[in-house]
Amino acid sequence: MEKNRFENLIVWQKAHALVVKIYKITKKFPSEEKFRLVDQLCRSASSVPANIVEGNARRHKKEFLQFLNTALSSLEETKYHLFLAKDLEYLSNTQYNELLNLANDVGRLISGLIRHLRSKI
C-alpha cells in the first residue's frame, strides 16, 4: 500500500468502525425513525471518516486541517444523536456507552492529528 492512503490512518480505521457499528445498530430502531433519527445519525457518523479521507487527499496541510475540524464537528453531532437515541430508549446504556467510548477515541485521535499537523505548518 502507498504511504498516504487513508486506509493506513488509525483515525480513519476507528471512525469507519464507528460508522459500521452505528449502521448495524440502527437497523433495529423503529421503522418510523428511518427518515428521522436513523438518517441523521448515519449521515453525521459517515461524515467523520469521509472528511478524513477527503482531507487526506488534499495537497496542503491547512486544507487537511479544515476537513479534520469538520470531521470533529460531525463527530460531536453524532454523539448528540447517540444521546438522543439512548434517551428515546432505542439504545441500551451498554450500547450507548460502547458507541460513545469509540466516538471519544475517534475524537482524541482527530485532535491529536490536528495538533500534529499544526506543528508542521
Protein backbone atom coordinates (compact mmCIF):
# COMPACT_ATOMS: atom_id res chain seq x y z
CA MET A 1 0.00 0.00 0.00
CA GLU A 2 1.03 3.55 -0.58
CA LYS A 3 2.19 5.60 2.38
CA ASN A 4 -0.55 8.28 2.23
CA ARG A 5 -3.55 6.03 1.69
CA PHE A 6 -6.41 6.85 4.02
CA GLU A 7 -6.82 3.19 4.93
CA ASN A 8 -3.46 3.40 6.74
CA LEU A 9 -4.69 6.11 9.11
CA ILE A 10 -5.68 4.69 12.50
CA VAL A 11 -8.06 7.62 12.97
CA TRP A 12 -9.89 6.65 9.76
CA GLN A 13 -9.97 2.96 10.78
CA LYS A 14 -11.61 3.77 14.12
CA ALA A 15 -14.02 6.28 12.57
CA HIS A 16 -15.02 3.72 9.96
CA ALA A 17 -15.56 1.07 12.67
CA LEU A 18 -17.86 3.52 14.49
CA VAL A 19 -19.92 4.07 11.33
CA VAL A 20 -20.26 0.33 10.71
CA LYS A 21 -21.45 -0.24 14.29
CA ILE A 22 -23.95 2.62 14.01
CA TYR A 23 -25.35 1.32 10.72
CA LYS A 24 -25.77 -2.16 12.20
CA ILE A 25 -27.38 -0.98 15.43
CA THR A 26 -29.78 1.47 13.75
CA LYS A 27 -31.29 -1.41 11.73
CA LYS A 28 -33.08 -2.27 14.98
CA PHE A 29 -34.54 1.21 15.50
CA PRO A 30 -38.30 1.61 14.93
CA SER A 31 -39.25 1.93 11.26
CA GLU A 32 -40.77 5.39 11.81
CA GLU A 33 -37.26 6.62 12.66
CA LYS A 34 -35.82 5.59 9.28
CA PHE A 35 -36.12 9.09 7.79
CA ARG A 36 -35.62 10.91 11.06
CA LEU A 37 -33.07 9.87 13.67
CA VAL A 38 -31.56 6.95 11.72
CA ASP A 39 -30.93 9.15 8.69
CA GLN A 40 -29.42 11.95 10.79
CA LEU A 41 -27.26 9.59 12.83
CA CYS A 42 -25.91 7.69 9.83
CA ARG A 43 -25.22 10.89 7.90
CA SER A 44 -23.35 12.60 10.73
CA ALA A 45 -21.38 9.44 11.58
CA SER A 46 -20.37 8.70 7.98
CA SER A 47 -19.31 12.32 7.54
CA VAL A 48 -16.47 11.78 10.03
CA PRO A 49 -14.40 9.23 8.05
CA ALA A 50 -15.46 10.82 4.75
CA ASN A 51 -13.94 14.15 5.81
CA ILE A 52 -10.79 12.39 6.97
CA VAL A 53 -10.50 10.75 3.54
CA GLU A 54 -11.14 13.98 1.67
CA GLY A 55 -8.72 15.97 3.81
CA ASN A 56 -6.02 13.32 3.45
CA ALA A 57 -6.33 13.64 -0.34
CA ARG A 58 -5.56 17.38 -0.23
CA ARG A 59 -2.11 18.67 -1.09
CA HIS A 60 -1.78 21.17 1.73
CA LYS A 61 -1.82 20.61 5.47
CA LYS A 62 -4.07 23.63 6.02
CA GLU A 63 -6.74 22.04 3.83
CA PHE A 64 -6.41 18.75 5.72
CA LEU A 65 -6.85 20.67 8.98
CA GLN A 66 -10.08 22.22 7.69
CA PHE A 67 -11.51 18.79 6.88
CA LEU A 68 -10.39 17.40 10.24
CA ASN A 69 -12.20 20.22 12.01
CA THR A 70 -15.33 19.40 10.01
CA ALA A 71 -14.91 15.73 10.97
CA LEU A 72 -14.68 16.74 14.63
CA SER A 73 -17.89 18.78 14.32
CA SER A 74 -19.69 15.86 12.68
CA LEU A 75 -18.47 13.62 15.48
CA GLU A 76 -20.00 15.91 18.08
CA GLU A 77 -23.29 15.88 16.16
CA THR A 78 -23.11 12.07 16.10
CA LYS A 79 -22.62 11.98 19.87
CA TYR A 80 -25.73 14.07 20.35
CA HIS A 81 -27.78 11.74 18.13
CA LEU A 82 -26.50 8.77 20.13
CA PHE A 83 -27.52 10.53 23.35
CA LEU A 84 -30.98 11.17 21.91
CA ALA A 85 -31.30 7.54 20.81
CA LYS A 86 -30.43 6.44 24.35
CA ASP A 87 -32.98 8.79 25.89
CA LEU A 88 -35.62 7.53 23.45
CA GLU A 89 -34.68 4.01 24.59
CA TYR A 90 -33.54 2.88 21.13
CA LEU A 91 -30.11 2.17 22.61
CA SER A 92 -29.37 0.43 25.88
CA ASN A 93 -26.96 2.09 28.28
CA THR A 94 -24.39 -0.57 27.36
CA GLN A 95 -24.77 0.09 23.63
CA TYR A 96 -24.64 3.84 24.18
CA ASN A 97 -21.51 3.63 26.33
CA GLU A 98 -19.75 1.37 23.82
CA LEU A 99 -20.51 3.74 20.94
CA LEU A 100 -19.69 6.83 22.98
CA ASN A 101 -16.34 5.37 24.08
CA LEU A 102 -15.45 4.62 20.46
CA ALA A 103 -16.57 8.13 19.42
CA ASN A 104 -14.42 9.63 22.18
CA ASP A 105 -11.43 7.59 20.95
CA VAL A 106 -12.01 8.91 17.44
CA GLY A 107 -12.22 12.46 18.80
CA ARG A 108 -8.92 12.08 20.65
CA LEU A 109 -7.24 10.75 17.50
CA ILE A 110 -8.60 13.57 15.34
CA SER A 111 -7.49 16.15 17.91
CA GLY A 112 -4.04 14.57 18.06
CA LEU A 113 -3.73 14.64 14.28
CA ILE A 114 -4.82 18.28 14.25
CA ARG A 115 -2.12 19.14 16.82
CA HIS A 116 0.48 17.22 14.80
CA LEU A 117 -0.42 18.95 11.52
CA ARG A 118 -0.46 22.39 13.16
CA SER A 119 3.05 21.79 14.47
CA LYS A 120 4.23 21.12 10.89
CA ILE A 121 2.87 24.39 9.44
